[in-house]
Protein backbone atom coordinates (compact mmCIF):
# COMPACT_ATOMS: atom_id res chain seq x y z
CA MET A 1 98.77 87.50 123.03
CA ALA A 2 102.37 87.61 124.10
CA ARG A 3 104.68 90.42 123.10
CA SER A 4 107.77 89.61 121.11
CA LEU A 5 111.31 90.54 122.11
CA GLN A 6 112.71 94.06 121.73
CA LYS A 7 113.37 95.10 118.16
CA ALA A 8 116.08 97.35 116.85
CA GLY A 9 115.37 100.99 117.60
CA ASP A 10 113.63 100.20 120.92
CA GLN A 11 110.38 99.27 119.19
CA VAL A 12 108.37 96.45 120.59
CA GLY A 13 106.61 94.37 117.98
CA THR A 14 103.63 92.09 118.23
CA GLU A 15 103.06 88.72 116.64
CA LEU A 16 100.48 90.25 114.32
CA GLU A 17 102.84 93.01 113.26
CA LYS A 18 105.55 90.49 112.40
CA ARG A 19 103.08 88.35 110.47
CA VAL A 20 101.77 91.34 108.49
CA GLU A 21 105.32 92.40 107.65
CA GLU A 22 106.18 88.83 106.53
CA LEU A 23 103.12 88.63 104.29
CA CYS A 24 103.86 92.01 102.73
CA LEU A 25 107.44 90.93 102.06
CA GLU A 26 106.22 87.67 100.47
CA GLU A 27 103.83 89.58 98.20
CA GLY A 28 106.21 92.42 97.32
CA ILE A 29 104.08 95.04 99.06
CA VAL A 30 106.06 98.14 100.03
CA ILE A 31 105.53 99.12 103.66
CA GLN A 32 106.53 102.01 105.83
CA LYS A 33 106.34 101.98 109.62
CA VAL A 34 104.70 104.96 111.24
CA ARG A 35 105.02 105.89 114.89
CA THR A 36 101.80 106.94 116.55
CA GLU A 37 100.53 107.07 120.12
CA MET A 38 97.15 105.74 119.00
CA ALA A 39 98.34 102.30 117.92
CA GLU A 40 100.63 99.47 118.98
CA PHE A 41 101.89 99.54 115.41
CA GLN A 42 100.96 101.22 112.16
CA LEU A 43 102.11 100.29 108.67
CA ASN A 44 101.38 102.24 105.51
CA LEU A 45 101.22 99.92 102.52
CA GLN A 46 101.51 100.70 98.84
CA PHE A 47 98.80 98.35 97.61
CA PRO A 48 97.99 97.27 94.99
CA SER A 49 100.28 99.78 93.29
CA PRO A 50 102.62 102.58 94.35
CA GLN A 51 99.82 105.08 93.63
CA SER A 52 97.48 103.52 96.18
CA SER A 53 97.99 103.63 99.93
CA LEU A 54 96.31 101.50 102.57
CA ASN A 55 97.01 101.41 106.28
CA VAL A 56 97.26 98.50 108.71
CA PHE A 57 97.34 99.18 112.43
CA GLN A 58 96.72 97.60 115.79
CA PRO A 59 94.76 99.86 118.14
CA LYS A 60 96.22 100.38 121.62
CA GLY A 61 94.84 97.80 124.04
CA LYS A 62 93.55 95.49 121.28
CA GLU A 63 96.27 92.85 121.16
CA ASP A 64 94.22 90.43 119.06
CA THR A 65 92.95 92.95 116.48
CA ILE A 66 94.30 94.75 113.45
CA ILE A 67 92.46 97.19 111.21
CA VAL A 68 93.01 97.55 107.49
CA GLY A 69 91.76 100.90 106.22
CA ALA A 70 91.94 103.83 103.87
CA VAL A 71 90.70 107.40 103.77
CA ILE A 72 89.35 109.05 100.66
CA GLU A 73 89.69 112.84 100.85
CA VAL A 74 87.26 114.63 98.55
CA SER A 75 88.91 117.17 96.26
CA ASP A 76 87.95 120.84 96.45
CA THR A 77 86.65 120.59 92.88
CA HIS A 78 84.25 117.81 93.85
CA LYS A 79 83.17 119.64 97.01
CA GLN A 80 82.34 122.65 94.83
CA GLY A 81 80.30 120.35 92.61
CA LEU A 82 78.35 119.15 95.63
CA ARG A 83 77.76 122.72 96.82
CA ALA A 84 76.33 123.56 93.41
CA LEU A 85 73.63 120.88 93.81
CA ASP A 86 70.36 121.71 95.47
CA ILE A 87 69.76 120.35 98.97
CA LYS A 88 67.66 117.42 97.76
CA LYS A 89 70.29 116.30 95.21
CA ARG A 90 73.07 116.50 97.83
CA GLU A 91 71.01 114.39 100.21
CA GLU A 92 70.33 111.86 97.45
CA PHE A 93 74.06 111.71 96.62
CA ILE A 94 74.96 110.93 100.26
CA TRP A 95 72.21 108.30 100.56
CA ASN A 96 73.28 106.60 97.33
CA LEU A 97 76.88 106.48 98.53
CA ARG A 98 75.82 105.04 101.90
CA LEU A 99 73.67 102.37 100.29
CA MET A 100 76.43 101.41 97.84
CA LEU A 101 79.01 101.06 100.63
CA ALA A 102 76.58 99.13 102.84
CA GLN A 103 76.49 96.40 100.19
CA GLY A 104 80.24 95.81 100.54
CA ARG A 105 82.29 93.90 103.06
CA VAL A 106 83.89 96.86 104.84
CA GLU A 107 82.80 99.29 107.50
CA PHE A 108 82.70 102.97 106.64
CA GLU A 109 82.42 106.41 108.15
CA MET A 110 81.56 109.53 106.21
CA ARG A 111 82.14 113.15 107.11
CA HIS A 112 79.57 115.26 105.28
CA PRO A 113 78.47 118.47 107.02
CA ASP A 114 75.43 119.90 105.22
CA ASN A 115 75.70 116.90 102.86
CA ILE A 116 78.98 118.20 101.45
CA LEU A 117 81.17 115.11 101.45
CA GLU A 118 84.65 115.82 102.86
CA ARG A 119 86.05 112.36 103.46
CA VAL A 120 85.17 108.70 103.64
CA ARG A 121 86.96 106.14 105.78
CA VAL A 122 86.69 102.49 104.83
CA HIS A 123 88.07 99.75 107.05
CA THR A 124 87.78 96.14 108.11
CA PHE A 125 88.86 94.22 111.18
CA LEU A 126 91.03 91.12 111.35
CA PHE A 127 91.40 89.08 114.53
CA GLN A 128 94.32 86.95 115.57
CA ASP A 129 92.28 83.75 115.84
CA GLY A 130 91.24 83.98 112.18
CA PHE A 131 94.34 85.65 110.79
CA SER A 132 95.76 84.01 107.68
CA LYS A 133 97.35 85.10 104.45
CA GLN A 134 93.99 84.57 102.72
CA ALA A 135 92.12 86.71 105.28
CA PHE A 136 94.75 89.45 105.14
CA MET A 137 94.89 89.62 101.34
CA ASN A 138 91.07 89.58 101.14
CA ALA A 139 90.96 92.48 103.63
CA LEU A 140 93.43 94.47 101.51
CA LEU A 141 91.44 93.76 98.36
CA ASP A 142 88.08 94.59 100.00
CA VAL A 143 89.33 97.91 101.39
CA ASN A 144 90.98 98.85 98.09
CA ARG A 145 87.81 97.93 96.15
CA SER A 146 85.69 100.08 98.47
CA LYS A 147 88.16 102.94 98.14
CA LEU A 148 87.89 102.71 94.35
CA GLN A 149 84.10 102.54 94.52
CA VAL A 150 83.98 105.81 96.44
CA ILE A 151 86.40 107.50 94.05
CA TRP A 152 84.52 106.26 90.98
CA PHE A 153 81.13 107.15 92.48
CA ILE A 154 82.29 110.74 92.99
CA GLN A 155 83.95 110.90 89.56
CA LYS A 156 80.83 109.55 87.86
CA GLU A 157 78.81 112.41 89.33
CA PHE A 158 81.33 115.26 89.04
CA GLY A 159 84.01 114.17 86.58
CA VAL A 160 87.67 113.47 87.13
CA SER A 161 89.47 116.21 89.05
CA PRO A 162 92.87 117.41 87.98
CA PRO A 163 95.53 115.42 89.84
CA SER A 164 96.45 116.82 93.20
CA PRO A 165 99.56 116.00 95.15
CA SER A 166 98.67 112.77 96.92
CA PRO A 167 99.90 112.29 100.46
CA SER A 168 103.18 110.45 100.45
CA LEU A 169 103.82 107.58 102.75
CA ASP A 170 106.06 109.93 104.73
CA GLU A 171 102.97 111.94 105.71
CA GLY A 172 101.32 108.90 107.26
CA THR A 173 100.62 110.31 110.67
CA SER A 174 96.87 109.84 110.40
CA MET A 175 95.46 106.42 111.09
CA TYR A 176 94.82 105.69 107.46
CA ARG A 177 94.91 107.26 104.03
C-alpha cells in the first residue's frame, strides 16, 4: 500500500488512516489522534457515545491491517469480589467469561493472575482488501458489544461499582481502552 503525502505537523498518513477518519467524520464519531511508536497511526474514538472509548490503530509494518479494540479494566471493588470467592468459583468465573467471549466475533486476551481478573482486551482485525464502511462499522459495533458483555458479566456477578474516573481520550497512550 502506498503512503500518502506529508500531512500538517510532519505526520505521514496512510490510505487506511484517511479512510477511517473520513468514515468517522461522516458518522459524527469524535476522534483523537495519539502518537505512539508502536503503530503507524492510532485513533481514539468516542463510540457509540462520549462515555465509551474504542481505539483504531495500524500496527507498525502492517500496511494493510488495522485493529479495532478496547480494554476493560476491572475495578478494585470487583477484584475484591473475585478474591472473596473460593478457588473453584474464581476458576468457574474465568471459564464462563472465556466461553461467552469465544461465541462472539472478536478476539480477546485476558489478564487474570490466580484467576483474579485484571483486564480484558477485545479486538478485531480489518484488512485493506475488505475494508468498507460496512466492515468498519460492524467492527466498531462488535468490539463495543463485546466490551459491554464483559462489563455486564462482571456486574451481574459482583454488582455495579461506584463510578471511577474513566480514562480520558487525552490519556490514550496505551494501544486501546
